[in-house]
């Protein structure tokens, strides 16, 4: 792997890890997607960082639960879908003037809602 790509993945992993940690603290920021993205970056760039992440006592559970059970906690689903639709609809109707773009945004929101809700719910 090229050094620049490896460094980019490591930096991206830490940025998404930071956002995931913020998601633990802030109720409207989802945790699991950011931690999964961080794990994806680390698994491709550093075995040591990936192992540290999935065995971490604070956020390793989120990643292991998704990897092993292919499930998302109910809280994460509710927050994820809510944040998705609030941001999509407010953007579509407050900032976008073209109706075709609005329809496209709503279709994208519907697709990602389907993806989130298609996973099992972890209770």
PDB file of N, CA and C in Angstrom:
ATOM      1  N   UNK A   1       0.858  -1.177   0.000  1.00  0.00           N
ATOM      2  CA  UNK A   1       0.000   0.000   0.000  1.00  0.00           C
ATOM      3  C   UNK A   1       0.903   1.238   0.000  1.00  0.00           C
ATOM      4  N   UNK A   2       0.517   2.204  -0.776  1.00  0.00           N
ATOM      5  CA  UNK A   2       1.281   3.442  -0.828  1.00  0.00           C
ATOM      6  C   UNK A   2       1.212   4.169   0.508  1.00  0.00           C
ATOM      7  N   UNK A   3       2.297   4.804   0.873  1.00  0.00           N
ATOM      8  CA  UNK A   3       2.400   5.490   2.154  1.00  0.00           C
ATOM      9  C   UNK A   3       1.350   6.604   2.282  1.00  0.00           C
ATOM     10  N   UNK A   4       1.111   7.342   1.212  1.00  0.00           N
ATOM     11  CA  UNK A   4       0.147   8.443   1.258  1.00  0.00           C
ATOM     12  C   UNK A   4      -1.265   7.915   1.515  1.00  0.00           C
ATOM     13  N   UNK A   5      -1.623   6.805   0.853  1.00  0.00           N
ATOM     14  CA  UNK A   5      -2.943   6.209   1.071  1.00  0.00           C
ATOM     15  C   UNK A   5      -3.071   5.705   2.513  1.00  0.00           C
ATOM     16  N   UNK A   6      -2.030   5.068   3.004  1.00  0.00           N
ATOM     17  CA  UNK A   6      -2.049   4.551   4.381  1.00  0.00           C
ATOM     18  C   UNK A   6      -2.217   5.693   5.392  1.00  0.00           C
ATOM     19  N   UNK A   7      -1.478   6.754   5.216  1.00  0.00           N
ATOM     20  CA  UNK A   7      -1.586   7.911   6.114  1.00  0.00           C
ATOM     21  C   UNK A   7      -2.974   8.538   6.011  1.00  0.00           C
ATOM     22  N   UNK A   8      -3.510   8.646   4.802  1.00  0.00           N
ATOM     23  CA  UNK A   8      -4.854   9.202   4.609  1.00  0.00           C
ATOM     24  C   UNK A   8      -5.891   8.356   5.331  1.00  0.00           C
ATOM     25  N   UNK A   9      -5.772   7.037   5.240  1.00  0.00           N
ATOM     26  CA  UNK A   9      -6.720   6.156   5.928  1.00  0.00           C
ATOM     27  C   UNK A   9      -6.594   6.260   7.447  1.00  0.00           C
ATOM     28  N   UNK A  10      -5.381   6.366   7.946  1.00  0.00           N
ATOM     29  CA  UNK A  10      -5.187   6.500   9.392  1.00  0.00           C
ATOM     30  C   UNK A  10      -5.771   7.812   9.886  1.00  0.00           C
ATOM     31  N   UNK A  11      -5.501   8.906   9.186  1.00  0.00           N
ATOM     32  CA  UNK A  11      -6.057  10.208   9.578  1.00  0.00           C
ATOM     33  C   UNK A  11      -7.578  10.173   9.507  1.00  0.00           C
ATOM     34  N   UNK A  12      -8.117   9.607   8.434  1.00  0.00           N
ATOM     35  CA  UNK A  12      -9.579   9.479   8.307  1.00  0.00           C
ATOM     36  C   UNK A  12     -10.151   8.623   9.428  1.00  0.00           C
ATOM     37  N   UNK A  13      -9.443   7.569   9.796  1.00  0.00           N
ATOM     38  CA  UNK A  13      -9.877   6.715  10.895  1.00  0.00           C
ATOM     39  C   UNK A  13      -9.963   7.477  12.204  1.00  0.00           C
ATOM     40  N   UNK A  14      -8.970   8.314  12.475  1.00  0.00           N
ATOM     41  CA  UNK A  14      -8.994   9.097  13.710  1.00  0.00           C
ATOM     42  C   UNK A  14     -10.074  10.184  13.689  1.00  0.00           C
ATOM     43  N   UNK A  15     -10.303  10.780  12.541  1.00  0.00           N
ATOM     44  CA  UNK A  15     -11.362  11.795  12.433  1.00  0.00           C
ATOM     45  C   UNK A  15     -12.722  11.159  12.690  1.00  0.00           C
ATOM     46  N   UNK A  16     -12.978  10.025  12.047  1.00  0.00           N
ATOM     47  CA  UNK A  16     -14.273   9.368  12.253  1.00  0.00           C
ATOM     48  C   UNK A  16     -14.383   8.777  13.661  1.00  0.00           C
ATOM     49  N   UNK A  17     -13.264   8.377  14.250  1.00  0.00           N
ATOM     50  CA  UNK A  17     -13.279   7.919  15.638  1.00  0.00           C
ATOM     51  C   UNK A  17     -13.673   9.071  16.561  1.00  0.00           C
ATOM     52  N   UNK A  18     -13.102  10.241  16.323  1.00  0.00           N
ATOM     53  CA  UNK A  18     -13.451  11.423  17.116  1.00  0.00           C
ATOM     54  C   UNK A  18     -14.941  11.742  16.995  1.00  0.00           C
ATOM     55  N   UNK A  19     -15.471  11.679  15.772  1.00  0.00           N
ATOM     56  CA  UNK A  19     -16.907  11.926  15.576  1.00  0.00           C
ATOM     57  C   UNK A  19     -17.746  10.862  16.282  1.00  0.00           C
ATOM     58  N   UNK A  20     -17.287   9.615  16.268  1.00  0.00           N
ATOM     59  CA  UNK A  20     -17.987   8.554  16.982  1.00  0.00           C
ATOM     60  C   UNK A  20     -17.984   8.775  18.477  1.00  0.00           C
ATOM     61  N   UNK A  21     -16.867   9.238  19.005  1.00  0.00           N
ATOM     62  CA  UNK A  21     -16.788   9.546  20.443  1.00  0.00           C
ATOM     63  C   UNK A  21     -17.724  10.695  20.776  1.00  0.00           C
ATOM     64  N   UNK A  22     -17.777  11.705  19.918  1.00  0.00           N
ATOM     65  CA  UNK A  22     -18.729  12.794  20.126  1.00  0.00           C
ATOM     66  C   UNK A  22     -20.167  12.269  20.121  1.00  0.00           C
ATOM     67  N   UNK A  23     -20.417  11.267  19.285  1.00  0.00           N
ATOM     68  CA  UNK A  23     -21.750  10.673  19.213  1.00  0.00           C
ATOM     69  C   UNK A  23     -22.166   9.984  20.500  1.00  0.00           C
ATOM     70  N   UNK A  24     -21.205   9.512  21.280  1.00  0.00           N
ATOM     71  CA  UNK A  24     -21.519   8.921  22.583  1.00  0.00           C
ATOM     72  C   UNK A  24     -22.010  10.007  23.525  1.00  0.00           C
ATOM     73  N   UNK A  25     -21.413  11.178  23.413  1.00  0.00           N
ATOM     74  CA  UNK A  25     -21.722  12.293  24.318  1.00  0.00           C
ATOM     75  C   UNK A  25     -22.925  13.097  23.842  1.00  0.00           C
ATOM     76  N   UNK A  26     -22.966  13.420  22.549  1.00  0.00           N
ATOM     77  CA  UNK A  26     -24.035  14.253  21.994  1.00  0.00           C
ATOM     78  C   UNK A  26     -25.177  13.374  21.494  1.00  0.00           C
ATOM     79  N   UNK A  27     -26.389  13.625  21.935  1.00  0.00           N
ATOM     80  CA  UNK A  27     -27.498  12.729  21.616  1.00  0.00           C
ATOM     81  C   UNK A  27     -27.913  12.701  20.145  1.00  0.00           C
ATOM     82  N   UNK A  28     -27.651  13.729  19.367  1.00  0.00           N
ATOM     83  CA  UNK A  28     -28.109  13.744  17.976  1.00  0.00           C
ATOM     84  C   UNK A  28     -27.066  13.267  16.973  1.00  0.00           C
ATOM     85  N   UNK A  29     -25.875  12.961  17.437  1.00  0.00           N
ATOM     86  CA  UNK A  29     -24.819  12.499  16.543  1.00  0.00           C
ATOM     87  C   UNK A  29     -24.701  10.983  16.673  1.00  0.00           C
ATOM     88  N   UNK A  30     -24.935  10.241  15.591  1.00  0.00           N
ATOM     89  CA  UNK A  30     -24.891   8.781  15.705  1.00  0.00           C
ATOM     90  C   UNK A  30     -23.470   8.273  15.937  1.00  0.00           C
ATOM     91  N   UNK A  31     -23.337   7.261  16.758  1.00  0.00           N
ATOM     92  CA  UNK A  31     -22.030   6.721  17.120  1.00  0.00           C
ATOM     93  C   UNK A  31     -21.596   5.589  16.201  1.00  0.00           C
ATOM     94  N   UNK A  32     -22.447   4.601  16.035  1.00  0.00           N
ATOM     95  CA  UNK A  32     -22.082   3.369  15.347  1.00  0.00           C
ATOM     96  C   UNK A  32     -21.557   3.584  13.923  1.00  0.00           C
ATOM     97  N   UNK A  33     -22.215   4.392  13.077  1.00  0.00           N
ATOM     98  CA  UNK A  33     -21.681   4.553  11.709  1.00  0.00           C
ATOM     99  C   UNK A  33     -20.264   5.128  11.682  1.00  0.00           C
ATOM    100  N   UNK A  34     -19.982   6.077  12.552  1.00  0.00           N
ATOM    101  CA  UNK A  34     -18.638   6.663  12.576  1.00  0.00           C
ATOM    102  C   UNK A  34     -17.609   5.658  13.068  1.00  0.00           C
ATOM    103  N   UNK A  35     -17.965   4.865  14.074  1.00  0.00           N
ATOM    104  CA  UNK A  35     -17.027   3.855  14.567  1.00  0.00           C
ATOM    105  C   UNK A  35     -16.793   2.760  13.528  1.00  0.00           C
ATOM    106  N   UNK A  36     -17.838   2.390  12.792  1.00  0.00           N
ATOM    107  CA  UNK A  36     -17.671   1.398  11.730  1.00  0.00           C
ATOM    108  C   UNK A  36     -16.767   1.936  10.616  1.00  0.00           C
ATOM    109  N   UNK A  37     -16.935   3.199  10.288  1.00  0.00           N
ATOM    110  CA  UNK A  37     -16.083   3.811   9.267  1.00  0.00           C
ATOM    111  C   UNK A  37     -14.637   3.885   9.756  1.00  0.00           C
ATOM    112  N   UNK A  38     -14.461   4.215  11.019  1.00  0.00           N
ATOM    113  CA  UNK A  38     -13.125   4.246  11.605  1.00  0.00           C
ATOM    114  C   UNK A  38     -12.485   2.862  11.542  1.00  0.00           C
ATOM    115  N   UNK A  39     -13.247   1.828  11.896  1.00  0.00           N
ATOM    116  CA  UNK A  39     -12.729   0.458  11.841  1.00  0.00           C
ATOM    117  C   UNK A  39     -12.354   0.084  10.405  1.00  0.00           C
ATOM    118  N   UNK A  40     -13.184   0.492   9.444  1.00  0.00           N
ATOM    119  CA  UNK A  40     -12.890   0.193   8.037  1.00  0.00           C
ATOM    120  C   UNK A  40     -11.583   0.861   7.599  1.00  0.00           C
ATOM    121  N   UNK A  41     -11.366   2.078   8.043  1.00  0.00           N
ATOM    122  CA  UNK A  41     -10.118   2.767   7.702  1.00  0.00           C
ATOM    123  C   UNK A  41      -8.912   2.081   8.344  1.00  0.00           C
ATOM    124  N   UNK A  42      -9.051   1.716   9.619  1.00  0.00           N
ATOM    125  CA  UNK A  42      -7.934   1.098  10.330  1.00  0.00           C
ATOM    126  C   UNK A  42      -7.630  -0.311   9.823  1.00  0.00           C
ATOM    127  N   UNK A  43      -8.659  -1.086   9.474  1.00  0.00           N
ATOM    128  CA  UNK A  43      -8.410  -2.449   9.016  1.00  0.00           C
ATOM    129  C   UNK A  43      -7.621  -2.457   7.712  1.00  0.00           C
ATOM    130  N   UNK A  44      -7.751  -1.395   6.930  1.00  0.00           N
ATOM    131  CA  UNK A  44      -7.030  -1.309   5.666  1.00  0.00           C
ATOM    132  C   UNK A  44      -5.666  -0.631   5.796  1.00  0.00           C
ATOM    133  N   UNK A  45      -5.387  -0.039   6.971  1.00  0.00           N
ATOM    134  CA  UNK A  45      -4.143   0.715   7.078  1.00  0.00           C
ATOM    135  C   UNK A  45      -3.236   0.281   8.227  1.00  0.00           C
ATOM    136  N   UNK A  46      -3.800  -0.229   9.335  1.00  0.00           N
ATOM    137  CA  UNK A  46      -2.969  -0.553  10.495  1.00  0.00           C
ATOM    138  C   UNK A  46      -3.630  -1.647  11.334  1.00  0.00           C
ATOM    139  N   UNK A  47      -3.016  -2.813  11.342  1.00  0.00           N
ATOM    140  CA  UNK A  47      -3.540  -3.908  12.155  1.00  0.00           C
ATOM    141  C   UNK A  47      -3.552  -3.544  13.636  1.00  0.00           C
ATOM    142  N   UNK A  48      -2.531  -2.852  14.072  1.00  0.00           N
ATOM    143  CA  UNK A  48      -2.428  -2.474  15.486  1.00  0.00           C
ATOM    144  C   UNK A  48      -3.559  -1.533  15.894  1.00  0.00           C
ATOM    145  N   UNK A  49      -3.845  -0.516  15.097  1.00  0.00           N
ATOM    146  CA  UNK A  49      -4.922   0.425  15.416  1.00  0.00           C
ATOM    147  C   UNK A  49      -6.285  -0.263  15.348  1.00  0.00           C
ATOM    148  N   UNK A  50      -6.469  -1.148  14.374  1.00  0.00           N
ATOM    149  CA  UNK A  50      -7.738  -1.873  14.265  1.00  0.00           C
ATOM    150  C   UNK A  50      -7.952  -2.750  15.490  1.00  0.00           C
ATOM    151  N   UNK A  51      -6.932  -3.489  15.907  1.00  0.00           N
ATOM    152  CA  UNK A  51      -7.054  -4.342  17.088  1.00  0.00           C
ATOM    153  C   UNK A  51      -7.342  -3.508  18.335  1.00  0.00           C
ATOM    154  N   UNK A  52      -6.658  -2.375  18.457  1.00  0.00           N
ATOM    155  CA  UNK A  52      -6.906  -1.490  19.594  1.00  0.00           C
ATOM    156  C   UNK A  52      -8.359  -1.008  19.600  1.00  0.00           C
ATOM    157  N   UNK A  53      -8.879  -0.682  18.433  1.00  0.00           N
ATOM    158  CA  UNK A  53     -10.241  -0.153  18.337  1.00  0.00           C
ATOM    159  C   UNK A  53     -11.290  -1.203  18.704  1.00  0.00           C
ATOM    160  N   UNK A  54     -11.175  -2.395  18.151  1.00  0.00           N
ATOM    161  CA  UNK A  54     -12.220  -3.394  18.411  1.00  0.00           C
ATOM    162  C   UNK A  54     -12.127  -4.009  19.801  1.00  0.00           C
ATOM    163  N   UNK A  55     -10.995  -3.858  20.469  1.00  0.00           N
ATOM    164  CA  UNK A  55     -10.885  -4.371  21.841  1.00  0.00           C
ATOM    165  C   UNK A  55     -11.021  -3.268  22.884  1.00  0.00           C
ATOM    166  N   UNK A  56     -11.254  -2.055  22.448  1.00  0.00           N
ATOM    167  CA  UNK A  56     -11.390  -0.932  23.365  1.00  0.00           C
ATOM    168  C   UNK A  56     -12.628  -1.104  24.234  1.00  0.00           C
ATOM    169  N   UNK A  57     -12.494  -0.823  25.533  1.00  0.00           N
ATOM    170  CA  UNK A  57     -13.617  -1.072  26.451  1.00  0.00           C
ATOM    171  C   UNK A  57     -14.764  -0.085  26.287  1.00  0.00           C
ATOM    172  N   UNK A  58     -14.537   1.074  25.686  1.00  0.00           N
ATOM    173  CA  UNK A  58     -15.610   2.058  25.553  1.00  0.00           C
ATOM    174  C   UNK A  58     -16.377   1.942  24.240  1.00  0.00           C
ATOM    175  N   UNK A  59     -15.687   1.748  23.139  1.00  0.00           N
ATOM    176  CA  UNK A  59     -16.410   1.726  21.868  1.00  0.00           C
ATOM    177  C   UNK A  59     -16.167   0.486  21.031  1.00  0.00           C
ATOM    178  N   UNK A  60     -15.394  -0.459  21.504  1.00  0.00           N
ATOM    179  CA  UNK A  60     -15.209  -1.706  20.783  1.00  0.00           C
ATOM    180  C   UNK A  60     -16.496  -2.508  20.674  1.00  0.00           C
ATOM    181  N   UNK A  61     -17.349  -2.389  21.689  1.00  0.00           N
ATOM    182  CA  UNK A  61     -18.620  -3.120  21.716  1.00  0.00           C
ATOM    183  C   UNK A  61     -19.501  -2.750  20.523  1.00  0.00           C
ATOM    184  N   UNK A  62     -19.553  -1.466  20.156  1.00  0.00           N
ATOM    185  CA  UNK A  62     -20.385  -1.028  19.035  1.00  0.00           C
ATOM    186  C   UNK A  62     -19.981  -1.768  17.758  1.00  0.00           C
ATOM    187  N   UNK A  63     -18.679  -1.839  17.522  1.00  0.00           N
ATOM    188  CA  UNK A  63     -18.179  -2.462  16.304  1.00  0.00           C
ATOM    189  C   UNK A  63     -18.379  -3.970  16.349  1.00  0.00           C
ATOM    190  N   UNK A  64     -18.039  -4.590  17.481  1.00  0.00           N
ATOM    191  CA  UNK A  64     -18.204  -6.045  17.605  1.00  0.00           C
ATOM    192  C   UNK A  64     -19.665  -6.454  17.458  1.00  0.00           C
ATOM    193  N   UNK A  65     -20.577  -5.702  18.075  1.00  0.00           N
ATOM    194  CA  UNK A  65     -22.001  -6.022  17.949  1.00  0.00           C
ATOM    195  C   UNK A  65     -22.444  -6.010  16.494  1.00  0.00           C
ATOM    196  N   UNK A  66     -22.009  -5.019  15.754  1.00  0.00           N
ATOM    197  CA  UNK A  66     -22.417  -4.938  14.356  1.00  0.00           C
ATOM    198  C   UNK A  66     -21.769  -6.051  13.538  1.00  0.00           C
ATOM    199  N   UNK A  67     -20.483  -6.290  13.750  1.00  0.00           N
ATOM    200  CA  UNK A  67     -19.784  -7.336  12.997  1.00  0.00           C
ATOM    201  C   UNK A  67     -20.341  -8.717  13.281  1.00  0.00           C
ATOM    202  N   UNK A  68     -20.624  -9.011  14.550  1.00  0.00           N
ATOM    203  CA  UNK A  68     -21.041 -10.359  14.928  1.00  0.00           C
ATOM    204  C   UNK A  68     -22.540 -10.592  14.744  1.00  0.00           C
ATOM    205  N   UNK A  69     -23.345  -9.590  15.046  1.00  0.00           N
ATOM    206  CA  UNK A  69     -24.797  -9.773  15.032  1.00  0.00           C
ATOM    207  C   UNK A  69     -25.489  -9.083  13.871  1.00  0.00           C
ATOM    208  N   UNK A  70     -24.739  -8.270  13.128  1.00  0.00           N
ATOM    209  CA  UNK A  70     -25.320  -7.493  12.019  1.00  0.00           C
ATOM    210  C   UNK A  70     -26.571  -6.761  12.487  1.00  0.00           C
ATOM    211  N   UNK A  71     -26.454  -6.125  13.653  1.00  0.00           N
ATOM    212  CA  UNK A  71     -27.591  -5.430  14.253  1.00  0.00           C
ATOM    213  C   UNK A  71     -27.164  -4.046  14.717  1.00  0.00           C
ATOM    214  N   UNK A  72     -28.131  -3.148  14.733  1.00  0.00           N
ATOM    215  CA  UNK A  72     -27.916  -1.769  15.176  1.00  0.00           C
ATOM    216  C   UNK A  72     -28.834  -1.525  16.368  1.00  0.00           C
ATOM    217  N   UNK A  73     -28.324  -0.882  17.433  1.00  0.00           N
ATOM    218  CA  UNK A  73     -29.186  -0.596  18.584  1.00  0.00           C
ATOM    219  C   UNK A  73     -30.365   0.298  18.194  1.00  0.00           C
ATOM    220  N   UNK A  74     -31.491   0.111  18.876  1.00  0.00           N
ATOM    221  CA  UNK A  74     -32.701   0.890  18.585  1.00  0.00           C
ATOM    222  C   UNK A  74     -32.423   2.387  18.686  1.00  0.00           C
ATOM    223  N   UNK A  75     -31.699   2.800  19.709  1.00  0.00           N
ATOM    224  CA  UNK A  75     -31.390   4.223  19.905  1.00  0.00           C
ATOM    225  C   UNK A  75     -30.651   4.780  18.683  1.00  0.00           C
ATOM    226  N   UNK A  76     -29.699   4.019  18.162  1.00  0.00           N
ATOM    227  CA  UNK A  76     -28.929   4.474  16.999  1.00  0.00           C
ATOM    228  C   UNK A  76     -29.823   4.569  15.766  1.00  0.00           C
ATOM    229  N   UNK A  77     -30.752   3.633  15.615  1.00  0.00           N
ATOM    230  CA  UNK A  77     -31.675   3.687  14.476  1.00  0.00           C
ATOM    231  C   UNK A  77     -32.566   4.924  14.563  1.00  0.00           C
ATOM    232  N   UNK A  78     -33.137   5.155  15.725  1.00  0.00           N
ATOM    233  CA  UNK A  78     -34.045   6.294  15.893  1.00  0.00           C
ATOM    234  C   UNK A  78     -33.307   7.606  15.647  1.00  0.00           C
ATOM    235  N   UNK A  79     -32.145   7.750  16.260  1.00  0.00           N
ATOM    236  CA  UNK A  79     -31.373   8.990  16.095  1.00  0.00           C
ATOM    237  C   UNK A  79     -30.915   9.135  14.647  1.00  0.00           C
ATOM    238  N   UNK A  80     -30.424   8.051  14.052  1.00  0.00           N
ATOM    239  CA  UNK A  80     -29.940   8.110  12.673  1.00  0.00           C
ATOM    240  C   UNK A  80     -31.016   8.515  11.690  1.00  0.00           C
ATOM    241  N   UNK A  81     -32.190   7.882  11.784  1.00  0.00           N
ATOM    242  CA  UNK A  81     -33.280   8.196  10.858  1.00  0.00           C
ATOM    243  C   UNK A  81     -33.799   9.621  11.107  1.00  0.00           C
ATOM    244  N   UNK A  82     -33.891  10.013  12.361  1.00  0.00           N
ATOM    245  CA  UNK A  82     -34.362  11.368  12.682  1.00  0.00           C
ATOM    246  C   UNK A  82     -33.414  12.432  12.147  1.00  0.00           C
ATOM    247  N   UNK A  83     -32.134  12.277  12.411  1.00  0.00           N
ATOM    248  CA  UNK A  83     -31.149  13.252  11.931  1.00  0.00           C
ATOM    249  C   UNK A  83     -31.123  13.276  10.406  1.00  0.00           C
ATOM    250  N   UNK A  84     -31.213  12.106   9.794  1.00  0.00           N
ATOM    251  CA  UNK A  84     -31.236  12.029   8.336  1.00  0.00           C
ATOM    252  C   UNK A  84     -32.383  12.848   7.759  1.00  0.00           C
ATOM    253  N   UNK A  85     -33.601  12.627   8.263  1.00  0.00           N
ATOM    254  CA  UNK A  85     -34.766  13.302   7.690  1.00  0.00           C
ATOM    255  C   UNK A  85     -34.833  14.778   8.051  1.00  0.00           C
ATOM    256  N   UNK A  86     -34.426  15.142   9.253  1.00  0.00           N
ATOM    257  CA  UNK A  86     -34.415  16.572   9.601  1.00  0.00           C
ATOM    258  C   UNK A  86     -33.439  17.312   8.694  1.00  0.00           C
ATOM    259  N   UNK A  87     -32.260  16.751   8.496  1.00  0.00           N
ATOM    260  CA  UNK A  87     -31.276  17.436   7.656  1.00  0.00           C
ATOM    261  C   UNK A  87     -31.680  17.416   6.178  1.00  0.00           C
ATOM    262  N   UNK A  88     -32.201  16.292   5.699  1.00  0.00           N
ATOM    263  CA  UNK A  88     -32.598  16.214   4.289  1.00  0.00           C
ATOM    264  C   UNK A  88     -33.759  17.152   3.974  1.00  0.00           C
ATOM    265  N   UNK A  89     -34.793  17.106   4.786  1.00  0.00           N
ATOM    266  CA  UNK A  89     -35.969  17.937   4.506  1.00  0.00           C
ATOM    267  C   UNK A  89     -35.675  19.419   4.695  1.00  0.00           C
ATOM    268  N   UNK A  90     -34.929  19.751   5.736  1.00  0.00           N
ATOM    269  CA  UNK A  90     -34.617  21.177   5.921  1.00  0.00           C
ATOM    270  C   UNK A  90     -33.726  21.677   4.787  1.00  0.00           C
ATOM    271  N   UNK A  91     -32.776  20.868   4.370  1.00  0.00           N
ATOM    272  CA  UNK A  91     -31.928  21.275   3.245  1.00  0.00           C
ATOM    273  C   UNK A  91     -32.736  21.385   1.957  1.00  0.00           C
ATOM    274  N   UNK A  92     -33.591  20.404   1.709  1.00  0.00           N
ATOM    275  CA  UNK A  92     -34.360  20.377   0.471  1.00  0.00           C
ATOM    276  C   UNK A  92     -35.310  21.562   0.355  1.00  0.00           C
ATOM    277  N   UNK A  93     -35.953  21.925   1.453  1.00  0.00           N
ATOM    278  CA  UNK A  93     -36.979  22.960   1.356  1.00  0.00           C
ATOM    279  C   UNK A  93     -36.517  24.348   1.786  1.00  0.00           C
ATOM    280  N   UNK A  94     -35.368  24.453   2.434  1.00  0.00           N
ATOM    281  CA  UNK A  94     -34.866  25.771   2.815  1.00  0.00           C
ATOM    282  C   UNK A  94     -33.755  26.273   1.893  1.00  0.00           C
ATOM    283  N   UNK A  95     -33.002  25.360   1.290  1.00  0.00           N
ATOM    284  CA  UNK A  95     -31.827  25.786   0.528  1.00  0.00           C
ATOM    285  C   UNK A  95     -31.853  25.412  -0.949  1.00  0.00           C
ATOM    286  N   UNK A  96     -32.695  24.464  -1.328  1.00  0.00           N
ATOM    287  CA  UNK A  96     -32.709  23.996  -2.716  1.00  0.00           C
ATOM    288  C   UNK A  96     -33.963  24.525  -3.406  1.00  0.00           C
ATOM    289  N   UNK A  97     -33.768  25.109  -4.583  1.00  0.00           N
ATOM    290  CA  UNK A  97     -34.903  25.666  -5.311  1.00  0.00           C
ATOM    291  C   UNK A  97     -35.431  24.738  -6.400  1.00  0.00           C
ATOM    292  N   UNK A  98     -34.587  23.900  -6.944  1.00  0.00           N
ATOM    293  CA  UNK A  98     -35.007  23.017  -8.032  1.00  0.00           C
ATOM    294  C   UNK A  98     -35.774  21.818  -7.476  1.00  0.00           C
ATOM    295  N   UNK A  99     -36.979  21.602  -7.997  1.00  0.00           N
ATOM    296  CA  UNK A  99     -37.814  20.518  -7.484  1.00  0.00           C
ATOM    297  C   UNK A  99     -37.210  19.155  -7.779  1.00  0.00           C
ATOM    298  N   UNK A 100     -36.468  19.034  -8.884  1.00  0.00           N
ATOM    299  CA  UNK A 100     -35.838  17.763  -9.235  1.00  0.00           C
ATOM    300  C   UNK A 100     -34.780  17.368  -8.194  1.00  0.00           C
ATOM    301  N   UNK A 101     -34.036  18.334  -7.720  1.00  0.00           N
ATOM    302  CA  UNK A 101     -33.024  18.071  -6.686  1.00  0.00           C
ATOM    303  C   UNK A 101     -33.721  17.701  -5.374  1.00  0.00           C
ATOM    304  N   UNK A 102     -34.831  18.370  -5.081  1.00  0.00           N
ATOM    305  CA  UNK A 102     -35.593  18.023  -3.870  1.00  0.00           C
ATOM    306  C   UNK A 102     -36.067  16.579  -3.915  1.00  0.00           C
ATOM    307  N   UNK A 103     -36.597  16.170  -5.048  1.00  0.00           N
ATOM    308  CA  UNK A 103     -37.067  14.792  -5.208  1.00  0.00           C
ATOM    309  C   UNK A 103     -35.896  13.823  -5.066  1.00  0.00           C
ATOM    310  N   UNK A 104     -34.769  14.164  -5.673  1.00  0.00           N
ATOM    311  CA  UNK A 104     -33.586  13.325  -5.564  1.00  0.00           C
ATOM    312  C   UNK A 104     -33.131  13.192  -4.104  1.00  0.00           C
ATOM    313  N   UNK A 105     -33.135  14.281  -3.364  1.00  0.00           N
ATOM    314  CA  UNK A 105     -32.747  14.244  -1.949  1.00  0.00           C
ATOM    315  C   UNK A 105     -33.700  13.364  -1.149  1.00  0.00           C
ATOM    316  N   UNK A 106     -34.981  13.462  -1.424  1.00  0.00           N
ATOM    317  CA  UNK A 106     -35.965  12.635  -0.710  1.00  0.00           C
ATOM    318  C   UNK A 106     -35.775  11.158  -1.053  1.00  0.00           C
ATOM    319  N   UNK A 107     -35.470  10.855  -2.303  1.00  0.00           N
ATOM    320  CA  UNK A 107     -35.212   9.463  -2.692  1.00  0.00           C
ATOM    321  C   UNK A 107     -33.947   8.925  -2.022  1.00  0.00           C
ATOM    322  N   UNK A 108     -32.921   9.747  -1.941  1.00  0.00           N
ATOM    323  CA  UNK A 108     -31.690   9.333  -1.256  1.00  0.00           C
ATOM    324  C   UNK A 108     -31.975   9.087   0.224  1.00  0.00           C
ATOM    325  N   UNK A 109     -32.742   9.979   0.844  1.00  0.00           N
ATOM    326  CA  UNK A 109     -33.124   9.792   2.248  1.00  0.00           C
ATOM    327  C   UNK A 109     -33.915   8.515   2.455  1.00  0.00           C
ATOM    328  N   UNK A 110     -34.825   8.226   1.532  1.00  0.00           N
ATOM    329  CA  UNK A 110     -35.617   6.998   1.632  1.00  0.00           C
ATOM    330  C   UNK A 110     -34.727   5.762   1.496  1.00  0.00           C
ATOM    331  N   UNK A 111     -33.764   5.810   0.598  1.00  0.00           N
ATOM    332  CA  UNK A 111     -32.850   4.682   0.430  1.00  0.00           C
ATOM    333  C   UNK A 111     -32.062   4.417   1.709  1.00  0.00           C
ATOM    334  N   UNK A 112     -31.471   5.467   2.288  1.00  0.00           N
ATOM    335  CA  UNK A 112     -30.656   5.267   3.488  1.00  0.00           C
ATOM    336  C   UNK A 112     -31.511   4.913   4.707  1.00  0.00           C
ATOM    337  N   UNK A 113     -32.746   5.371   4.732  1.00  0.00           N
ATOM    338  CA  UNK A 113     -33.665   4.934   5.791  1.00  0.00           C
ATOM    339  C   UNK A 113     -33.910   3.436   5.651  1.00  0.00           C
ATOM    340  N   UNK A 114     -34.147   2.977   4.439  1.00  0.00           N
ATOM    341  CA  UNK A 114     -34.356   1.552   4.189  1.00  0.00           C
ATOM    342  C   UNK A 114     -33.128   0.743   4.622  1.00  0.00           C
ATOM    343  N   UNK A 115     -31.936   1.238   4.285  1.00  0.00           N
ATOM    344  CA  UNK A 115     -30.711   0.530   4.657  1.00  0.00           C
ATOM    345  C   UNK A 115     -30.594   0.421   6.176  1.00  0.00           C
ATOM    346  N   UNK A 116     -30.803   1.526   6.877  1.00  0.00           N
ATOM    347  CA  UNK A 116     -30.692   1.497   8.346  1.00  0.00           C
ATOM    348  C   UNK A 116     -31.721   0.579   8.977  1.00  0.00           C
ATOM    349  N   UNK A 117     -32.946   0.655   8.478  1.00  0.00           N
ATOM    350  CA  UNK A 117     -34.017  -0.140   9.081  1.00  0.00           C
ATOM    351  C   UNK A 117     -33.974  -1.605   8.661  1.00  0.00           C
ATOM    352  N   UNK A 118     -33.218  -1.930   7.624  1.00  0.00           N
ATOM    353  CA  UNK A 118     -33.152  -3.318   7.167  1.00  0.00           C
ATOM    354  C   UNK A 118     -32.287  -4.192   8.078  1.00  0.00           C
ATOM    355  N   UNK A 119     -31.409  -3.564   8.857  1.00  0.00           N
ATOM    356  CA  UNK A 119     -30.606  -4.336   9.807  1.00  0.00           C
ATOM    357  C   UNK A 119     -31.451  -4.707  11.019  1.00  0.00           C
ATOM    358  N   UNK A 120     -31.108  -5.834  11.631  1.00  0.00           N
ATOM    359  CA  UNK A 120     -31.801  -6.245  12.840  1.00  0.00           C
ATOM    360  C   UNK A 120     -31.605  -5.188  13.930  1.00  0.00           C
ATOM    361  N   UNK A 121     -32.558  -5.164  14.860  1.00  0.00           N
ATOM    362  CA  UNK A 121     -32.467  -4.225  15.977  1.00  0.00           C
ATOM    363  C   UNK A 121     -31.850  -4.933  17.176  1.00  0.00           C
ATOM    364  N   UNK A 122     -30.807  -4.333  17.707  1.00  0.00           N
ATOM    365  CA  UNK A 122     -30.126  -4.862  18.881  1.00  0.00           C
ATOM    366  C   UNK A 122     -30.773  -4.273  20.117  1.00  0.00           C
ATOM    367  N   UNK A 123     -31.258  -5.131  20.982  1.00  0.00           N
ATOM    368  CA  UNK A 123     -31.922  -4.636  22.188  1.00  0.00           C
ATOM    369  C   UNK A 123     -31.053  -4.812  23.406  1.00  0.00           C
TER     370      UNK A 123
END
